[in-house]
Amino acid sequence: MASSAFSKVTFDHVGIQCSSEVFEDEIKFLNASLAPLGIKEHWRIAPLVSAMGNNPQKPDFWVSAVVKGTEIKQATTPIHIAFRADDRSQVDEFHKLGLAAGGKDKCVNLRVHV
């Protein structure tokens, strides 16, 4: 059961990386599946660096392409991130919209918990 004593996002910020080949698909997936939680892309500080979250003044979820020098490399280790939802309907909406946006996250083991 979610409590109003907790903020919607309990971390300061999280950054994940993926390859440039799947970057735009990853942003599309994340925008769709996280919409029920009020999380979306607000802006980009570079073509392959997305600032996301609930608040455009302080993005707390960053997605970028893996870059070493000027060479972009494939990310090798997925990251597990669990966002807090207010209720089960938000969890269900997360899964429904994620499937509609392409089915599966590309770079991260993403979960939503009540």
PDB file of N, CA and C in Angstrom:
ATOM      1  N   MET A   1       0.838  -1.165   0.000  1.00  0.00           N
ATOM      2  CA  MET A   1       0.000   0.000   0.000  1.00  0.00           C
ATOM      3  C   MET A   1       0.888   1.234   0.000  1.00  0.00           C
ATOM      4  N   ALA A   2       0.641   2.149  -0.937  1.00  0.00           N
ATOM      5  CA  ALA A   2       1.405   3.382  -1.021  1.00  0.00           C
ATOM      6  C   ALA A   2       0.966   4.342   0.069  1.00  0.00           C
ATOM      7  N   SER A   3       1.907   5.119   0.537  1.00  0.00           N
ATOM      8  CA  SER A   3       1.609   6.072   1.597  1.00  0.00           C
ATOM      9  C   SER A   3       1.910   7.475   1.114  1.00  0.00           C
ATOM     10  N   SER A   4       1.080   8.435   1.503  1.00  0.00           N
ATOM     11  CA  SER A   4       1.319   9.818   1.106  1.00  0.00           C
ATOM     12  C   SER A   4       2.531  10.392   1.825  1.00  0.00           C
ATOM     13  N   ALA A   5       3.052   9.689   2.840  1.00  0.00           N
ATOM     14  CA  ALA A   5       4.245  10.140   3.541  1.00  0.00           C
ATOM     15  C   ALA A   5       5.489  10.013   2.666  1.00  0.00           C
ATOM     16  N   PHE A   6       5.404   9.236   1.599  1.00  0.00           N
ATOM     17  CA  PHE A   6       6.524   9.044   0.706  1.00  0.00           C
ATOM     18  C   PHE A   6       6.341   9.877  -0.544  1.00  0.00           C
ATOM     19  N   SER A   7       7.442  10.371  -1.091  1.00  0.00           N
ATOM     20  CA  SER A   7       7.367  11.084  -2.363  1.00  0.00           C
ATOM     21  C   SER A   7       7.128  10.082  -3.479  1.00  0.00           C
ATOM     22  N   LYS A   8       6.704  10.573  -4.632  1.00  0.00           N
ATOM     23  CA  LYS A   8       6.462   9.692  -5.761  1.00  0.00           C
ATOM     24  C   LYS A   8       7.747   8.994  -6.201  1.00  0.00           C
ATOM     25  N   VAL A   9       8.855   9.715  -6.216  1.00  0.00           N
ATOM     26  CA  VAL A   9      10.129   9.153  -6.614  1.00  0.00           C
ATOM     27  C   VAL A   9      11.080   9.304  -5.427  1.00  0.00           C
ATOM     28  N   THR A  10      11.604   8.188  -4.918  1.00  0.00           N
ATOM     29  CA  THR A  10      12.382   8.250  -3.694  1.00  0.00           C
ATOM     30  C   THR A  10      13.882   8.402  -3.929  1.00  0.00           C
ATOM     31  N   PHE A  11      14.328   8.485  -5.164  1.00  0.00           N
ATOM     32  CA  PHE A  11      15.743   8.704  -5.428  1.00  0.00           C
ATOM     33  C   PHE A  11      15.958  10.137  -5.895  1.00  0.00           C
ATOM     34  N   ASP A  12      17.175  10.635  -5.753  1.00  0.00           N
ATOM     35  CA  ASP A  12      17.488  11.979  -6.237  1.00  0.00           C
ATOM     36  C   ASP A  12      17.530  11.998  -7.750  1.00  0.00           C
ATOM     37  N   HIS A  13      18.315  11.110  -8.327  1.00  0.00           N
ATOM     38  CA  HIS A  13      18.300  10.928  -9.775  1.00  0.00           C
ATOM     39  C   HIS A  13      18.927   9.586 -10.107  1.00  0.00           C
ATOM     40  N   VAL A  14      18.574   9.080 -11.257  1.00  0.00           N
ATOM     41  CA  VAL A  14      19.099   7.822 -11.765  1.00  0.00           C
ATOM     42  C   VAL A  14      19.432   8.037 -13.226  1.00  0.00           C
ATOM     43  N   GLY A  15      20.545   7.517 -13.641  1.00  0.00           N
ATOM     44  CA  GLY A  15      20.908   7.572 -15.053  1.00  0.00           C
ATOM     45  C   GLY A  15      21.092   6.175 -15.600  1.00  0.00           C
ATOM     46  N   ILE A  16      20.538   5.938 -16.763  1.00  0.00           N
ATOM     47  CA  ILE A  16      20.744   4.662 -17.444  1.00  0.00           C
ATOM     48  C   ILE A  16      21.349   4.954 -18.806  1.00  0.00           C
ATOM     49  N   GLN A  17      21.998   3.956 -19.345  1.00  0.00           N
ATOM     50  CA  GLN A  17      22.610   4.102 -20.654  1.00  0.00           C
ATOM     51  C   GLN A  17      22.168   2.976 -21.564  1.00  0.00           C
ATOM     52  N   CYS A  18      22.078   3.294 -22.839  1.00  0.00           N
ATOM     53  CA  CYS A  18      21.777   2.292 -23.856  1.00  0.00           C
ATOM     54  C   CYS A  18      22.535   2.665 -25.122  1.00  0.00           C
ATOM     55  N   SER A  19      22.524   1.800 -26.093  1.00  0.00           N
ATOM     56  CA  SER A  19      23.228   2.101 -27.343  1.00  0.00           C
ATOM     57  C   SER A  19      22.443   3.122 -28.153  1.00  0.00           C
ATOM     58  N   SER A  20      23.137   3.795 -29.026  1.00  0.00           N
ATOM     59  CA  SER A  20      22.476   4.786 -29.882  1.00  0.00           C
ATOM     60  C   SER A  20      21.438   4.137 -30.791  1.00  0.00           C
ATOM     61  N   GLU A  21      21.632   2.849 -31.118  1.00  0.00           N
ATOM     62  CA  GLU A  21      20.710   2.154 -32.020  1.00  0.00           C
ATOM     63  C   GLU A  21      19.314   2.007 -31.427  1.00  0.00           C
ATOM     64  N   VAL A  22      19.209   1.924 -30.108  1.00  0.00           N
ATOM     65  CA  VAL A  22      17.897   1.731 -29.478  1.00  0.00           C
ATOM     66  C   VAL A  22      17.453   2.945 -28.665  1.00  0.00           C
ATOM     67  N   PHE A  23      18.243   4.027 -28.683  1.00  0.00           N
ATOM     68  CA  PHE A  23      17.954   5.188 -27.836  1.00  0.00           C
ATOM     69  C   PHE A  23      16.543   5.744 -28.049  1.00  0.00           C
ATOM     70  N   GLU A  24      16.166   6.041 -29.281  1.00  0.00           N
ATOM     71  CA  GLU A  24      14.843   6.632 -29.542  1.00  0.00           C
ATOM     72  C   GLU A  24      13.714   5.671 -29.170  1.00  0.00           C
ATOM     73  N   ASP A  25      13.896   4.376 -29.423  1.00  0.00           N
ATOM     74  CA  ASP A  25      12.890   3.390 -29.020  1.00  0.00           C
ATOM     75  C   ASP A  25      12.766   3.330 -27.502  1.00  0.00           C
ATOM     76  N   GLU A  26      13.887   3.439 -26.808  1.00  0.00           N
ATOM     77  CA  GLU A  26      13.873   3.419 -25.344  1.00  0.00           C
ATOM     78  C   GLU A  26      13.107   4.630 -24.796  1.00  0.00           C
ATOM     79  N   ILE A  27      13.339   5.799 -25.375  1.00  0.00           N
ATOM     80  CA  ILE A  27      12.636   7.010 -24.933  1.00  0.00           C
ATOM     81  C   ILE A  27      11.141   6.862 -25.200  1.00  0.00           C
ATOM     82  N   LYS A  28      10.771   6.328 -26.362  1.00  0.00           N
ATOM     83  CA  LYS A  28       9.357   6.114 -26.682  1.00  0.00           C
ATOM     84  C   LYS A  28       8.718   5.163 -25.662  1.00  0.00           C
ATOM     85  N   PHE A  29       9.393   4.054 -25.372  1.00  0.00           N
ATOM     86  CA  PHE A  29       8.892   3.090 -24.395  1.00  0.00           C
ATOM     87  C   PHE A  29       8.730   3.731 -23.015  1.00  0.00           C
ATOM     88  N   LEU A  30       9.749   4.431 -22.555  1.00  0.00           N
ATOM     89  CA  LEU A  30       9.702   5.035 -21.224  1.00  0.00           C
ATOM     90  C   LEU A  30       8.626   6.109 -21.131  1.00  0.00           C
ATOM     91  N   ASN A  31       8.507   6.971 -22.150  1.00  0.00           N
ATOM     92  CA  ASN A  31       7.453   7.997 -22.142  1.00  0.00           C
ATOM     93  C   ASN A  31       6.070   7.369 -22.027  1.00  0.00           C
ATOM     94  N   ALA A  32       5.831   6.296 -22.769  1.00  0.00           N
ATOM     95  CA  ALA A  32       4.510   5.660 -22.760  1.00  0.00           C
ATOM     96  C   ALA A  32       4.247   4.921 -21.449  1.00  0.00           C
ATOM     97  N   SER A  33       5.179   4.096 -21.030  1.00  0.00           N
ATOM     98  CA  SER A  33       4.916   3.244 -19.869  1.00  0.00           C
ATOM     99  C   SER A  33       4.953   4.002 -18.546  1.00  0.00           C
ATOM    100  N   LEU A  34       5.711   5.090 -18.466  1.00  0.00           N
ATOM    101  CA  LEU A  34       5.790   5.853 -17.215  1.00  0.00           C
ATOM    102  C   LEU A  34       4.767   6.991 -17.132  1.00  0.00           C
ATOM    103  N   ALA A  35       4.010   7.215 -18.207  1.00  0.00           N
ATOM    104  CA  ALA A  35       2.996   8.288 -18.211  1.00  0.00           C
ATOM    105  C   ALA A  35       2.008   8.184 -17.046  1.00  0.00           C
ATOM    106  N   PRO A  36       1.537   6.987 -16.653  1.00  0.00           N
ATOM    107  CA  PRO A  36       0.603   6.910 -15.530  1.00  0.00           C
ATOM    108  C   PRO A  36       1.194   7.410 -14.213  1.00  0.00           C
ATOM    109  N   LEU A  37       2.523   7.453 -14.130  1.00  0.00           N
ATOM    110  CA  LEU A  37       3.181   7.942 -12.918  1.00  0.00           C
ATOM    111  C   LEU A  37       3.542   9.424 -13.018  1.00  0.00           C
ATOM    112  N   GLY A  38       3.204  10.044 -14.145  1.00  0.00           N
ATOM    113  CA  GLY A  38       3.519  11.455 -14.337  1.00  0.00           C
ATOM    114  C   GLY A  38       4.962  11.694 -14.746  1.00  0.00           C
ATOM    115  N   ILE A  39       5.651  10.642 -15.167  1.00  0.00           N
ATOM    116  CA  ILE A  39       7.052  10.758 -15.569  1.00  0.00           C
ATOM    117  C   ILE A  39       7.115  10.815 -17.087  1.00  0.00           C
ATOM    118  N   LYS A  40       7.867  11.812 -17.603  1.00  0.00           N
ATOM    119  CA  LYS A  40       8.000  11.952 -19.051  1.00  0.00           C
ATOM    120  C   LYS A  40       9.308  12.660 -19.382  1.00  0.00           C
ATOM    121  N   GLU A  41       9.645  12.646 -20.671  1.00  0.00           N
ATOM    122  CA  GLU A  41      10.817  13.385 -21.131  1.00  0.00           C
ATOM    123  C   GLU A  41      10.470  14.866 -21.150  1.00  0.00           C
ATOM    124  N   HIS A  42      11.328  15.672 -20.545  1.00  0.00           N
ATOM    125  CA  HIS A  42      11.106  17.120 -20.520  1.00  0.00           C
ATOM    126  C   HIS A  42      11.968  17.846 -21.534  1.00  0.00           C
ATOM    127  N   TRP A  43      13.206  17.455 -21.663  1.00  0.00           N
ATOM    128  CA  TRP A  43      14.111  18.086 -22.608  1.00  0.00           C
ATOM    129  C   TRP A  43      15.355  17.232 -22.792  1.00  0.00           C
ATOM    130  N   ARG A  44      16.182  17.647 -23.738  1.00  0.00           N
ATOM    131  CA  ARG A  44      17.454  16.959 -23.989  1.00  0.00           C
ATOM    132  C   ARG A  44      18.587  17.967 -23.873  1.00  0.00           C
ATOM    133  N   ILE A  45      19.641  17.563 -23.165  1.00  0.00           N
ATOM    134  CA  ILE A  45      20.800  18.445 -23.082  1.00  0.00           C
ATOM    135  C   ILE A  45      21.750  18.195 -24.256  1.00  0.00           C
ATOM    136  N   ALA A  46      21.516  17.109 -24.975  1.00  0.00           N
ATOM    137  CA  ALA A  46      22.251  16.746 -26.184  1.00  0.00           C
ATOM    138  C   ALA A  46      21.353  15.772 -26.946  1.00  0.00           C
ATOM    139  N   PRO A  47      21.630  15.517 -28.215  1.00  0.00           N
ATOM    140  CA  PRO A  47      20.755  14.614 -28.979  1.00  0.00           C
ATOM    141  C   PRO A  47      20.555  13.241 -28.353  1.00  0.00           C
ATOM    142  N   LEU A  48      21.544  12.743 -27.622  1.00  0.00           N
ATOM    143  CA  LEU A  48      21.444  11.413 -27.045  1.00  0.00           C
ATOM    144  C   LEU A  48      21.464  11.429 -25.513  1.00  0.00           C
ATOM    145  N   VAL A  49      20.959  12.517 -24.919  1.00  0.00           N
ATOM    146  CA  VAL A  49      20.847  12.627 -23.461  1.00  0.00           C
ATOM    147  C   VAL A  49      19.488  13.222 -23.131  1.00  0.00           C
ATOM    148  N   SER A  50      18.622  12.405 -22.542  1.00  0.00           N
ATOM    149  CA  SER A  50      17.250  12.800 -22.246  1.00  0.00           C
ATOM    150  C   SER A  50      17.073  13.053 -20.753  1.00  0.00           C
ATOM    151  N   ALA A  51      16.453  14.187 -20.414  1.00  0.00           N
ATOM    152  CA  ALA A  51      16.125  14.535 -19.029  1.00  0.00           C
ATOM    153  C   ALA A  51      14.651  14.220 -18.803  1.00  0.00           C
ATOM    154  N   MET A  52      14.373  13.282 -17.893  1.00  0.00           N
ATOM    155  CA  MET A  52      13.016  12.826 -17.653  1.00  0.00           C
ATOM    156  C   MET A  52      12.661  12.975 -16.182  1.00  0.00           C
ATOM    157  N   GLY A  53      11.387  12.854 -15.867  1.00  0.00           N
ATOM    158  CA  GLY A  53      10.938  12.860 -14.482  1.00  0.00           C
ATOM    159  C   GLY A  53       9.570  13.485 -14.334  1.00  0.00           C
ATOM    160  N   ASN A  54       9.197  13.789 -13.085  1.00  0.00           N
ATOM    161  CA  ASN A  54       7.922  14.436 -12.783  1.00  0.00           C
ATOM    162  C   ASN A  54       8.019  15.953 -12.887  1.00  0.00           C
ATOM    163  N   ASN A  55       9.202  16.509 -12.692  1.00  0.00           N
ATOM    164  CA  ASN A  55       9.384  17.956 -12.598  1.00  0.00           C
ATOM    165  C   ASN A  55      10.412  18.428 -13.626  1.00  0.00           C
ATOM    166  N   PRO A  56      10.004  19.265 -14.584  1.00  0.00           N
ATOM    167  CA  PRO A  56      10.960  19.723 -15.592  1.00  0.00           C
ATOM    168  C   PRO A  56      12.069  20.606 -15.010  1.00  0.00           C
ATOM    169  N   GLN A  57      11.835  21.176 -13.826  1.00  0.00           N
ATOM    170  CA  GLN A  57      12.864  22.001 -13.198  1.00  0.00           C
ATOM    171  C   GLN A  57      13.975  21.165 -12.559  1.00  0.00           C
ATOM    172  N   LYS A  58      13.674  19.919 -12.207  1.00  0.00           N
ATOM    173  CA  LYS A  58      14.672  19.027 -11.631  1.00  0.00           C
ATOM    174  C   LYS A  58      14.442  17.589 -12.114  1.00  0.00           C
ATOM    175  N   PRO A  59      14.864  17.301 -13.337  1.00  0.00           N
ATOM    176  CA  PRO A  59      14.719  15.937 -13.836  1.00  0.00           C
ATOM    177  C   PRO A  59      15.476  14.976 -12.929  1.00  0.00           C
ATOM    178  N   ASP A  60      14.879  13.819 -12.668  1.00  0.00           N
ATOM    179  CA  ASP A  60      15.533  12.866 -11.785  1.00  0.00           C
ATOM    180  C   ASP A  60      15.761  11.513 -12.436  1.00  0.00           C
ATOM    181  N   PHE A  61      15.460  11.421 -13.724  1.00  0.00           N
ATOM    182  CA  PHE A  61      15.653  10.178 -14.463  1.00  0.00           C
ATOM    183  C   PHE A  61      16.285  10.536 -15.808  1.00  0.00           C
ATOM    184  N   TRP A  62      17.514  10.103 -16.031  1.00  0.00           N
ATOM    185  CA  TRP A  62      18.276  10.472 -17.217  1.00  0.00           C
ATOM    186  C   TRP A  62      18.562   9.235 -18.060  1.00  0.00           C
ATOM    187  N   VAL A  63      18.434   9.384 -19.372  1.00  0.00           N
ATOM    188  CA  VAL A  63      18.745   8.297 -20.299  1.00  0.00           C
ATOM    189  C   VAL A  63      19.728   8.856 -21.321  1.00  0.00           C
ATOM    190  N   SER A  64      20.815   8.132 -21.521  1.00  0.00           N
ATOM    191  CA  SER A  64      21.805   8.587 -22.495  1.00  0.00           C
ATOM    192  C   SER A  64      22.388   7.404 -23.247  1.00  0.00           C
ATOM    193  N   ALA A  65      22.982   7.699 -24.399  1.00  0.00           N
ATOM    194  CA  ALA A  65      23.689   6.668 -25.155  1.00  0.00           C
ATOM    195  C   ALA A  65      25.027   6.425 -24.475  1.00  0.00           C
ATOM    196  N   VAL A  66      25.510   5.191 -24.540  1.00  0.00           N
ATOM    197  CA  VAL A  66      26.812   4.861 -23.989  1.00  0.00           C
ATOM    198  C   VAL A  66      27.866   5.479 -24.899  1.00  0.00           C
ATOM    199  N   VAL A  67      28.685   6.360 -24.344  1.00  0.00           N
ATOM    200  CA  VAL A  67      29.671   7.079 -25.144  1.00  0.00           C
ATOM    201  C   VAL A  67      31.045   6.945 -24.496  1.00  0.00           C
ATOM    202  N   LYS A  68      32.025   6.593 -25.297  1.00  0.00           N
ATOM    203  CA  LYS A  68      33.415   6.595 -24.853  1.00  0.00           C
ATOM    204  C   LYS A  68      34.189   7.372 -25.901  1.00  0.00           C
ATOM    205  N   GLY A  69      34.575   8.580 -25.561  1.00  0.00           N
ATOM    206  CA  GLY A  69      35.161   9.462 -26.565  1.00  0.00           C
ATOM    207  C   GLY A  69      34.071   9.833 -27.548  1.00  0.00           C
ATOM    208  N   THR A  70      34.292   9.558 -28.806  1.00  0.00           N
ATOM    209  CA  THR A  70      33.257   9.803 -29.813  1.00  0.00           C
ATOM    210  C   THR A  70      32.614   8.504 -30.277  1.00  0.00           C
ATOM    211  N   GLU A  71      33.066   7.385 -29.729  1.00  0.00           N
ATOM    212  CA  GLU A  71      32.552   6.079 -30.125  1.00  0.00           C
ATOM    213  C   GLU A  71      31.389   5.674 -29.215  1.00  0.00           C
ATOM    214  N   ILE A  72      30.275   5.299 -29.789  1.00  0.00           N
ATOM    215  CA  ILE A  72      29.122   4.847 -29.019  1.00  0.00           C
ATOM    216  C   ILE A  72      29.147   3.328 -28.962  1.00  0.00           C
ATOM    217  N   LYS A  73      29.033   2.788 -27.753  1.00  0.00           N
ATOM    218  CA  LYS A  73      29.105   1.336 -27.565  1.00  0.00           C
ATOM    219  C   LYS A  73      27.813   0.810 -26.969  1.00  0.00           C
ATOM    220  N   GLN A  74      27.581  -0.452 -27.158  1.00  0.00           N
ATOM    221  CA  GLN A  74      26.404  -1.137 -26.632  1.00  0.00           C
ATOM    222  C   GLN A  74      26.501  -1.267 -25.113  1.00  0.00           C
ATOM    223  N   ALA A  75      25.417  -0.939 -24.415  1.00  0.00           N
ATOM    224  CA  ALA A  75      25.368  -1.174 -22.972  1.00  0.00           C
ATOM    225  C   ALA A  75      25.341  -2.681 -22.725  1.00  0.00           C
ATOM    226  N   THR A  76      26.028  -3.143 -21.701  1.00  0.00           N
ATOM    227  CA  THR A  76      26.114  -4.572 -21.470  1.00  0.00           C
ATOM    228  C   THR A  76      25.371  -5.033 -20.221  1.00  0.00           C
ATOM    229  N   THR A  77      25.123  -4.168 -19.269  1.00  0.00           N
ATOM    230  CA  THR A  77      24.495  -4.580 -18.022  1.00  0.00           C
ATOM    231  C   THR A  77      23.175  -3.853 -17.827  1.00  0.00           C
ATOM    232  N   PRO A  78      22.047  -4.588 -17.810  1.00  0.00           N
ATOM    233  CA  PRO A  78      20.778  -3.918 -17.551  1.00  0.00           C
ATOM    234  C   PRO A  78      20.715  -3.429 -16.107  1.00  0.00           C
ATOM    235  N   ILE A  79      19.901  -2.439 -15.877  1.00  0.00           N
ATOM    236  CA  ILE A  79      19.715  -1.863 -14.548  1.00  0.00           C
ATOM    237  C   ILE A  79      18.286  -2.126 -14.110  1.00  0.00           C
ATOM    238  N   HIS A  80      18.111  -2.489 -12.859  1.00  0.00           N
ATOM    239  CA  HIS A  80      16.764  -2.656 -12.307  1.00  0.00           C
ATOM    240  C   HIS A  80      16.382  -1.371 -11.589  1.00  0.00           C
ATOM    241  N   ILE A  81      15.254  -0.799 -11.980  1.00  0.00           N
ATOM    242  CA  ILE A  81      14.736   0.402 -11.330  1.00  0.00           C
ATOM    243  C   ILE A  81      13.276   0.156 -10.996  1.00  0.00           C
ATOM    244  N   ALA A  82      12.907   0.416  -9.762  1.00  0.00           N
ATOM    245  CA  ALA A  82      11.515   0.272  -9.339  1.00  0.00           C
ATOM    246  C   ALA A  82      10.977   1.637  -8.927  1.00  0.00           C
ATOM    247  N   PHE A  83       9.943   2.082  -9.618  1.00  0.00           N
ATOM    248  CA  PHE A  83       9.261   3.332  -9.282  1.00  0.00           C
ATOM    249  C   PHE A  83       8.086   3.015  -8.371  1.00  0.00           C
ATOM    250  N   ARG A  84       7.702   3.943  -7.526  1.00  0.00           N
ATOM    251  CA  ARG A  84       6.570   3.750  -6.629  1.00  0.00           C
ATOM    252  C   ARG A  84       5.283   4.218  -7.323  1.00  0.00           C
ATOM    253  N   ALA A  85       4.252   3.401  -7.251  1.00  0.00           N
ATOM    254  CA  ALA A  85       2.928   3.749  -7.783  1.00  0.00           C
ATOM    255  C   ALA A  85       1.962   3.950  -6.622  1.00  0.00           C
ATOM    256  N   ASP A  86       0.916   4.718  -6.858  1.00  0.00           N
ATOM    257  CA  ASP A  86      -0.085   4.965  -5.818  1.00  0.00           C
ATOM    258  C   ASP A  86      -1.014   3.779  -5.603  1.00  0.00           C
ATOM    259  N   ASP A  87      -1.271   3.033  -6.699  1.00  0.00           N
ATOM    260  CA  ASP A  87      -2.199   1.912  -6.579  1.00  0.00           C
ATOM    261  C   ASP A  87      -1.969   0.929  -7.721  1.00  0.00           C
ATOM    262  N   ARG A  88      -2.654  -0.181  -7.664  1.00  0.00           N
ATOM    263  CA  ARG A  88      -2.484  -1.250  -8.651  1.00  0.00           C
ATOM    264  C   ARG A  88      -2.891  -0.809 -10.058  1.00  0.00           C
ATOM    265  N   SER A  89      -3.852   0.100 -10.165  1.00  0.00           N
ATOM    266  CA  SER A  89      -4.283   0.546 -11.500  1.00  0.00           C
ATOM    267  C   SER A  89      -3.133   1.235 -12.247  1.00  0.00           C
ATOM    268  N   GLN A  90      -2.265   1.947 -11.531  1.00  0.00           N
ATOM    269  CA  GLN A  90      -1.102   2.556 -12.186  1.00  0.00           C
ATOM    270  C   GLN A  90      -0.120   1.485 -12.655  1.00  0.00           C
ATOM    271  N   VAL A  91       0.040   0.441 -11.882  1.00  0.00           N
ATOM    272  CA  VAL A  91       0.914  -0.665 -12.280  1.00  0.00           C
ATOM    273  C   VAL A  91       0.363  -1.322 -13.552  1.00  0.00           C
ATOM    274  N   ASP A  92      -0.934  -1.588 -13.576  1.00  0.00           N
ATOM    275  CA  ASP A  92      -1.559  -2.198 -14.745  1.00  0.00           C
ATOM    276  C   ASP A  92      -1.425  -1.297 -15.975  1.00  0.00           C
ATOM    277  N   GLU A  93      -1.610   0.012 -15.797  1.00  0.00           N
ATOM    278  CA  GLU A  93      -1.495   0.970 -16.903  1.00  0.00           C
ATOM    279  C   GLU A  93      -0.053   1.008 -17.422  1.00  0.00           C
ATOM    280  N   PHE A  94       0.924   0.939 -16.529  1.00  0.00           N
ATOM    281  CA  PHE A  94       2.334   0.874 -16.904  1.00  0.00           C
ATOM    282  C   PHE A  94       2.570  -0.288 -17.866  1.00  0.00           C
ATOM    283  N   HIS A  95       2.073  -1.474 -17.504  1.00  0.00           N
ATOM    284  CA  HIS A  95       2.279  -2.652 -18.355  1.00  0.00           C
ATOM    285  C   HIS A  95       1.532  -2.523 -19.684  1.00  0.00           C
ATOM    286  N   LYS A  96       0.321  -2.035 -19.657  1.00  0.00           N
ATOM    287  CA  LYS A  96      -0.482  -1.888 -20.875  1.00  0.00           C
ATOM    288  C   LYS A  96       0.177  -0.913 -21.853  1.00  0.00           C
ATOM    289  N   LEU A  97       0.564   0.255 -21.370  1.00  0.00           N
ATOM    290  CA  LEU A  97       1.161   1.264 -22.250  1.00  0.00           C
ATOM    291  C   LEU A  97       2.556   0.858 -22.707  1.00  0.00           C
ATOM    292  N   GLY A  98       3.288   0.159 -21.852  1.00  0.00           N
ATOM    293  CA  GLY A  98       4.602  -0.340 -22.252  1.00  0.00           C
ATOM    294  C   GLY A  98       4.503  -1.329 -23.400  1.00  0.00           C
ATOM    295  N   LEU A  99       3.525  -2.231 -23.327  1.00  0.00           N
ATOM    296  CA  LEU A  99       3.320  -3.188 -24.419  1.00  0.00           C
ATOM    297  C   LEU A  99       2.935  -2.474 -25.708  1.00  0.00           C
ATOM    298  N   ALA A 100       2.077  -1.471 -25.601  1.00  0.00           N
ATOM    299  CA  ALA A 100       1.648  -0.729 -26.785  1.00  0.00           C
ATOM    300  C   ALA A 100       2.805   0.042 -27.410  1.00  0.00           C
ATOM    301  N   ALA A 101       3.807   0.404 -26.613  1.00  0.00           N
ATOM    302  CA  ALA A 101       4.934   1.197 -27.117  1.00  0.00           C
ATOM    303  C   ALA A 101       6.079   0.342 -27.653  1.00  0.00           C
ATOM    304  N   GLY A 102       5.924  -0.942 -27.692  1.00  0.00           N
ATOM    305  CA  GLY A 102       6.983  -1.762 -28.253  1.00  0.00           C
ATOM    306  C   GLY A 102       7.241  -3.033 -27.483  1.00  0.00           C
ATOM    307  N   GLY A 103       6.573  -3.212 -26.379  1.00  0.00           N
ATOM    308  CA  GLY A 103       6.595  -4.488 -25.709  1.00  0.00           C
ATOM    309  C   GLY A 103       7.575  -4.686 -24.591  1.00  0.00           C
ATOM    310  N   LYS A 104       8.794  -4.235 -24.746  1.00  0.00           N
ATOM    311  CA  LYS A 104       9.794  -4.568 -23.746  1.00  0.00           C
ATOM    312  C   LYS A 104      10.812  -3.449 -23.674  1.00  0.00           C
ATOM    313  N   ASP A 105      11.238  -3.158 -22.456  1.00  0.00           N
ATOM    314  CA  ASP A 105      12.294  -2.169 -22.304  1.00  0.00           C
ATOM    315  C   ASP A 105      13.595  -2.715 -22.867  1.00  0.00           C
ATOM    316  N   LYS A 106      14.392  -1.852 -23.440  1.00  0.00           N
ATOM    317  CA  LYS A 106      15.583  -2.264 -24.165  1.00  0.00           C
ATOM    318  C   LYS A 106      16.844  -2.269 -23.301  1.00  0.00           C
ATOM    319  N   CYS A 107      16.922  -1.370 -22.332  1.00  0.00           N
ATOM    320  CA  CYS A 107      18.176  -1.171 -21.611  1.00  0.00           C
ATOM    321  C   CYS A 107      18.054  -1.343 -20.119  1.00  0.00           C
ATOM    322  N   VAL A 108      16.854  -1.496 -19.620  1.00  0.00           N
ATOM    323  CA  VAL A 108      16.674  -1.476 -18.176  1.00  0.00           C
ATOM    324  C   VAL A 108      15.620  -2.484 -17.760  1.00  0.00           C
ATOM    325  N   ASN A 109      15.817  -3.102 -16.617  1.00  0.00           N
ATOM    326  CA  ASN A 109      14.827  -3.997 -16.033  1.00  0.00           C
ATOM    327  C   ASN A 109      13.905  -3.110 -15.202  1.00  0.00           C
ATOM    328  N   LEU A 110      12.852  -2.606 -15.808  1.00  0.00           N
ATOM    329  CA  LEU A 110      12.000  -1.582 -15.204  1.00  0.00           C
ATOM    330  C   LEU A 110      10.781  -2.206 -14.556  1.00  0.00           C
ATOM    331  N   ARG A 111      10.489  -1.786 -13.336  1.00  0.00           N
ATOM    332  CA  ARG A 111       9.342  -2.301 -12.591  1.00  0.00           C
ATOM    333  C   ARG A 111       8.631  -1.168 -11.895  1.00  0.00           C
ATOM    334  N   VAL A 112       7.360  -1.389 -11.592  1.00  0.00           N
ATOM    335  CA  VAL A 112       6.563  -0.455 -10.788  1.00  0.00           C
ATOM    336  C   VAL A 112       5.948  -1.250  -9.649  1.00  0.00           C
ATOM    337  N   HIS A 113       6.049  -0.722  -8.449  1.00  0.00           N
ATOM    338  CA  HIS A 113       5.530  -1.394  -7.255  1.00  0.00           C
ATOM    339  C   HIS A 113       4.546  -0.504  -6.529  1.00  0.00           C
ATOM    340  N   VAL A 114       3.524  -1.115  -5.937  1.00  0.00           N
ATOM    341  CA  VAL A 114       2.571  -0.376  -5.100  1.00  0.00           C
ATOM    342  C   VAL A 114       3.099  -0.419  -3.685  1.00  0.00           C
TER     343      VAL A 114
END
